[in-house]
Amino acid sequence: MQYVKIVFSILMLLVVITFCVNNTQSFTLSYLGYRLAVPLQLWTLMIIFFVAGMVPIMIIEFPRQITRHLKMRTLKNDIRLMEDSLRRLAESPGDPSK
């Protein structure tokens, strides 16, 4: 079922991209009194809005991912140190009194 969703998502993405690239009609944006002076094609507008939506997400997530990476590196280092100490304990000779 997961593969069907992936294939369907890829097909929908291809349909949207094909529609936007083949649409040569120019659009002029206007919103709350602001107006874009240069008419743009739909695929250009789609890329602009995609990038504009991704920039804030990347700004927020980049520090989180760096912090997560540093924590994981510290934890992996701690695990490696513990495994080394356990290995040394296992290799050390046993109690000679037994």
Protein backbone atom coordinates (compact mmCIF):
# COMPACT_ATOMS: atom_id res chain seq x y z
CA MET A 1 0.00 0.00 0.00
CA GLN A 2 2.87 2.33 0.76
CA TYR A 3 4.31 1.77 -2.72
CA VAL A 4 0.96 2.64 -4.26
CA LYS A 5 0.94 5.93 -2.35
CA ILE A 6 4.47 6.73 -3.50
CA VAL A 7 3.67 5.95 -7.14
CA PHE A 8 0.46 7.97 -6.93
CA SER A 9 2.30 10.92 -5.37
CA ILE A 10 4.97 10.85 -8.08
CA LEU A 11 2.33 10.68 -10.81
CA MET A 12 0.42 13.61 -9.32
CA LEU A 13 3.64 15.62 -9.07
CA LEU A 14 4.41 14.88 -12.72
CA VAL A 15 0.88 15.93 -13.74
CA VAL A 16 1.17 19.22 -11.85
CA ILE A 17 4.64 19.93 -13.27
CA THR A 18 3.48 19.09 -16.80
CA PHE A 19 0.44 21.33 -16.43
CA CYS A 20 2.48 24.21 -15.08
CA VAL A 21 5.26 23.98 -17.67
CA ASN A 22 2.85 23.66 -20.60
CA ASN A 23 0.73 26.56 -19.40
CA THR A 24 2.23 29.56 -21.21
CA GLN A 25 -0.37 32.06 -20.05
CA SER A 26 1.14 34.86 -18.01
CA PHE A 27 -0.26 35.83 -14.62
CA THR A 28 -0.08 39.14 -12.80
CA LEU A 29 -0.43 38.91 -9.05
CA SER A 30 -2.31 41.50 -7.03
CA TYR A 31 -3.08 41.31 -3.33
CA LEU A 32 -4.26 43.99 -0.90
CA GLY A 33 -3.32 46.79 -3.24
CA TYR A 34 0.09 45.37 -4.11
CA ARG A 35 0.62 44.36 -7.71
CA LEU A 36 3.42 42.45 -9.38
CA ALA A 37 4.55 44.54 -12.33
CA VAL A 38 6.03 41.70 -14.38
CA PRO A 39 3.65 39.01 -15.64
CA LEU A 40 5.05 35.54 -14.88
CA GLN A 41 4.20 32.06 -16.08
CA LEU A 42 2.53 29.68 -13.65
CA TRP A 43 5.56 27.39 -13.21
CA THR A 44 7.70 30.38 -12.25
CA LEU A 45 5.18 31.47 -9.66
CA MET A 46 4.95 27.92 -8.35
CA ILE A 47 8.74 27.75 -7.86
CA ILE A 48 8.81 31.18 -6.19
CA PHE A 49 6.07 30.23 -3.71
CA PHE A 50 7.66 26.84 -3.04
CA VAL A 51 11.01 28.45 -2.21
CA ALA A 52 9.31 31.18 -0.17
CA GLY A 53 7.52 28.48 1.84
CA MET A 54 10.64 26.37 2.35
CA VAL A 55 12.96 29.16 3.56
CA PRO A 56 11.25 29.68 6.95
CA ILE A 57 11.06 25.93 7.51
CA MET A 58 14.75 25.53 6.76
CA ILE A 59 15.65 28.46 9.02
CA ILE A 60 13.73 26.85 11.89
CA GLU A 61 14.82 23.24 11.30
CA PHE A 62 18.53 23.78 10.58
CA PRO A 63 19.50 24.66 14.19
CA ARG A 64 17.34 21.81 15.49
CA GLN A 65 19.06 19.32 13.22
CA ILE A 66 22.51 20.59 14.23
CA THR A 67 21.58 20.25 17.92
CA ARG A 68 20.23 16.75 17.29
CA HIS A 69 23.38 15.78 15.42
CA LEU A 70 25.61 17.04 18.24
CA LYS A 71 23.57 15.15 20.85
CA MET A 72 23.69 11.96 18.80
CA ARG A 73 27.46 12.30 18.35
CA THR A 74 27.88 12.73 22.12
CA LEU A 75 25.67 9.72 22.84
CA LYS A 76 27.51 7.56 20.31
CA ASN A 77 30.81 8.58 21.87
CA ASP A 78 29.49 7.67 25.34
CA ILE A 79 28.30 4.29 24.04
CA ARG A 80 31.68 3.63 22.45
CA LEU A 81 33.45 4.48 25.72
CA MET A 82 31.14 2.18 27.68
CA GLU A 83 31.66 -0.65 25.20
CA ASP A 84 35.43 -0.19 25.46
CA SER A 85 35.30 -0.31 29.25
CA LEU A 86 33.11 -3.45 29.13
CA ARG A 87 35.50 -5.05 26.67
CA ARG A 88 38.44 -4.28 28.97
CA LEU A 89 36.57 -5.76 31.93
CA ALA A 90 35.82 -8.93 29.97
CA GLU A 91 39.44 -9.26 28.86
CA SER A 92 40.91 -8.70 32.32
CA PRO A 93 42.00 -11.85 34.18
CA GLY A 94 39.53 -13.23 36.64
CA ASP A 95 39.94 -13.39 40.42
CA PRO A 96 42.90 -15.73 41.12
CA SER A 97 41.44 -16.85 44.47
CA LYS A 98 38.76 -18.96 42.77
